[in-house]
Amino acid sequence: MAMKRVAAGVITLAAGTAMLVGCSDDKATTSESTAAESAQTSAVDAGAQTEVKVDGADLAGLDLNSVTCVKQGGKINVASGAIGGQQGLGIVMTDEATPVVESLGMVVDGNALAVANAMGAKSGSAEVTVDGESYTITGEAVGADMANPMAGMITKPFTVTVTCS
């Protein structure tokens, strides 16, 4: 039960990150998007050399052009826009020479999967490698199989590559 709460908390955090980051495609049409963009203190790269793979395959249904990366307040936030309320991605990392993933949430085939490494809660795993402005996050996200909740937890390997300046 605690794992479900951690996963739900990470997905909520990821959704909040996505709302804060917004979609920076230079076509802001709402005052909310414009306000979010003007409040950012660093550059946002959307879709530039972005790759999201789960189980070795592209995360189906995720619009890579909606994935943004923002460095702000000592954190690196990666988020995607909502895709029909289904597939999505949110990552919070520390902004340092060797970043540490504090939380990662993704929706895969309707299942909320997460990595948590904050406030004593640890689930899943994630490592970050940095090459200039390119960040590659690899690991395993865990969550409940919503199609068969009694089957226990599921684990999916993932790789996320984003550019963030």
Protein backbone atom coordinates (compact mmCIF):
# COMPACT_ATOMS: atom_id res chain seq x y z
CA MET A 1 0.00 0.00 0.00
CA ALA A 2 2.85 2.38 0.81
CA MET A 3 4.32 1.76 -2.65
CA LYS A 4 1.04 2.84 -4.27
CA ARG A 5 1.10 6.05 -2.23
CA VAL A 6 4.72 6.73 -3.24
CA ALA A 7 3.91 6.08 -6.90
CA ALA A 8 0.81 8.27 -6.71
CA GLY A 9 2.83 11.01 -5.02
CA VAL A 10 5.53 10.88 -7.69
CA ILE A 11 2.96 11.00 -10.50
CA THR A 12 1.27 13.95 -8.79
CA LEU A 13 4.67 15.65 -8.51
CA ALA A 14 5.37 14.88 -12.16
CA ALA A 15 2.01 16.34 -13.18
CA GLY A 16 2.74 19.44 -11.10
CA THR A 17 6.12 19.75 -12.77
CA ALA A 18 4.48 19.46 -16.18
CA MET A 19 2.05 22.23 -15.25
CA LEU A 20 4.88 24.48 -14.04
CA VAL A 21 7.12 23.83 -17.02
CA GLY A 22 4.40 24.23 -19.62
CA CYS A 23 4.94 23.55 -23.28
CA SER A 24 7.45 25.92 -24.81
CA ASP A 25 6.82 25.73 -28.51
CA ASP A 26 6.80 29.49 -29.14
CA LYS A 27 3.05 29.31 -29.82
CA ALA A 28 1.85 30.35 -26.38
CA THR A 29 -1.78 31.28 -26.73
CA THR A 30 -2.90 31.41 -23.13
CA SER A 31 -1.94 33.85 -20.44
CA GLU A 32 -1.13 30.89 -18.17
CA SER A 33 1.48 29.56 -20.62
CA THR A 34 2.91 33.04 -21.15
CA ALA A 35 3.11 33.64 -17.39
CA ALA A 36 4.81 30.30 -16.81
CA GLU A 37 7.31 30.97 -19.58
CA SER A 38 8.12 34.50 -18.40
CA ALA A 39 8.62 33.22 -14.83
CA GLN A 40 11.32 30.81 -15.91
CA THR A 41 14.87 31.92 -15.29
CA SER A 42 16.60 29.51 -17.64
CA ALA A 43 16.30 28.23 -21.17
CA VAL A 44 13.75 25.62 -22.12
CA ASP A 45 14.51 23.07 -24.81
CA ALA A 46 11.46 21.29 -26.20
CA GLY A 47 11.88 18.09 -28.16
CA ALA A 48 15.53 18.77 -29.07
CA GLN A 49 17.22 15.37 -29.35
CA THR A 50 14.68 13.83 -27.00
CA GLU A 51 14.24 10.09 -26.67
CA VAL A 52 12.01 8.18 -24.26
CA LYS A 53 12.22 4.39 -24.35
CA VAL A 54 10.53 1.84 -22.10
CA ASP A 55 11.37 -1.84 -22.42
CA GLY A 56 13.63 -0.90 -25.35
CA ALA A 57 10.82 0.65 -27.43
CA ASP A 58 9.66 4.26 -27.87
CA LEU A 59 7.02 5.24 -25.32
CA ALA A 60 3.94 4.98 -27.53
CA GLY A 61 1.61 7.96 -27.47
CA LEU A 62 4.19 10.42 -26.10
CA ASP A 63 4.73 13.54 -28.23
CA LEU A 64 8.48 14.11 -27.96
CA ASN A 65 7.94 17.74 -29.00
CA SER A 66 6.03 18.28 -25.75
CA VAL A 67 8.99 17.21 -23.58
CA THR A 68 10.68 20.19 -21.94
CA CYS A 69 13.71 20.59 -19.71
CA VAL A 70 14.15 23.51 -17.32
CA LYS A 71 17.00 24.28 -14.92
CA GLN A 72 15.75 26.40 -12.04
CA GLY A 73 16.33 26.72 -8.31
CA GLY A 74 19.04 24.04 -8.14
CA LYS A 75 16.83 21.48 -9.87
CA ILE A 76 16.46 20.12 -13.39
CA ASN A 77 12.82 19.48 -14.31
CA VAL A 78 11.87 17.36 -17.31
CA ALA A 79 8.19 17.07 -18.20
CA SER A 80 5.91 16.23 -21.08
CA GLY A 81 2.58 17.68 -22.03
CA ALA A 82 -0.53 15.67 -21.26
CA ILE A 83 -1.40 13.23 -24.01
CA GLY A 84 -5.09 12.49 -23.57
CA GLY A 85 -4.48 11.95 -19.86
CA GLN A 86 -2.47 8.82 -20.63
CA GLN A 87 1.21 8.56 -21.55
CA GLY A 88 3.34 11.15 -19.78
CA LEU A 89 6.68 11.86 -18.16
CA GLY A 90 7.99 13.96 -15.27
CA ILE A 91 11.50 13.96 -13.77
CA VAL A 92 13.08 16.06 -11.02
CA MET A 93 16.89 15.90 -10.69
CA THR A 94 19.47 17.87 -8.76
CA ASP A 95 21.37 20.41 -10.88
CA GLU A 96 24.96 19.42 -10.20
CA ALA A 97 27.93 17.89 -12.04
CA THR A 98 26.55 14.40 -11.37
CA PRO A 99 22.77 14.90 -11.11
CA VAL A 100 20.72 12.67 -8.82
CA VAL A 101 17.15 11.73 -9.79
CA GLU A 102 14.89 12.69 -6.89
CA SER A 103 11.69 11.57 -8.59
CA LEU A 104 10.55 10.20 -11.90
CA GLY A 105 7.00 9.46 -12.92
CA MET A 106 5.76 8.05 -16.19
CA VAL A 107 2.56 6.55 -17.44
CA VAL A 108 3.07 3.43 -19.54
CA ASP A 109 0.06 1.62 -20.99
CA GLY A 110 -2.17 3.18 -18.33
CA ASN A 111 0.14 2.15 -15.47
CA ALA A 112 1.74 4.81 -13.28
CA LEU A 113 5.41 3.89 -12.84
CA ALA A 114 7.85 5.74 -10.63
CA VAL A 115 11.31 6.16 -9.23
CA ALA A 116 11.54 7.90 -5.87
CA ASN A 117 14.68 8.93 -4.01
CA ALA A 118 13.68 11.68 -1.63
CA MET A 119 12.71 12.14 2.02
CA GLY A 120 13.77 8.59 2.90
CA ALA A 121 11.54 6.97 0.28
CA LYS A 122 13.35 4.93 -2.32
CA SER A 123 11.76 2.87 -5.07
CA GLY A 124 12.98 1.93 -8.50
CA SER A 125 16.37 3.10 -9.70
CA ALA A 126 17.80 5.79 -11.95
CA GLU A 127 21.26 6.96 -12.96
CA VAL A 128 22.16 10.08 -14.92
CA THR A 129 25.01 10.59 -17.37
CA VAL A 130 25.82 14.03 -18.71
CA ASP A 131 27.42 14.84 -22.08
CA GLY A 132 27.52 18.63 -22.49
CA GLU A 133 23.85 19.70 -22.46
CA SER A 134 22.54 16.15 -23.05
CA TYR A 135 21.24 14.19 -20.06
CA THR A 136 20.59 10.45 -20.25
CA ILE A 137 18.60 8.91 -17.42
CA THR A 138 18.49 5.10 -17.27
CA GLY A 139 17.01 2.75 -14.72
CA GLU A 140 13.93 0.83 -13.70
CA ALA A 141 10.57 2.33 -12.76
CA VAL A 142 8.11 0.42 -10.61
CA GLY A 143 4.36 0.53 -10.16
CA ALA A 144 1.18 -1.48 -9.96
CA ASP A 145 -0.25 -3.33 -12.95
CA MET A 146 -3.67 -1.69 -13.22
CA ALA A 147 -4.94 -4.48 -15.50
CA ASN A 148 -4.12 -7.03 -12.79
CA PRO A 149 -3.57 -5.25 -9.44
CA MET A 150 -3.41 -8.53 -7.51
CA ALA A 151 -0.35 -9.59 -9.54
CA GLY A 152 1.83 -7.23 -7.52
CA MET A 153 4.34 -4.65 -8.68
CA ILE A 154 5.69 -4.39 -12.21
CA THR A 155 9.13 -3.10 -13.16
CA LYS A 156 10.00 -1.54 -16.52
CA PRO A 157 13.48 -0.56 -17.70
CA PHE A 158 13.66 2.92 -19.24
CA THR A 159 16.02 5.36 -20.95
CA VAL A 160 15.28 9.08 -21.27
CA THR A 161 17.59 11.40 -23.21
CA VAL A 162 16.96 15.16 -23.16
CA THR A 163 18.85 18.33 -23.96
CA CYS A 164 18.77 21.02 -21.32
CA SER A 165 20.73 24.26 -21.37
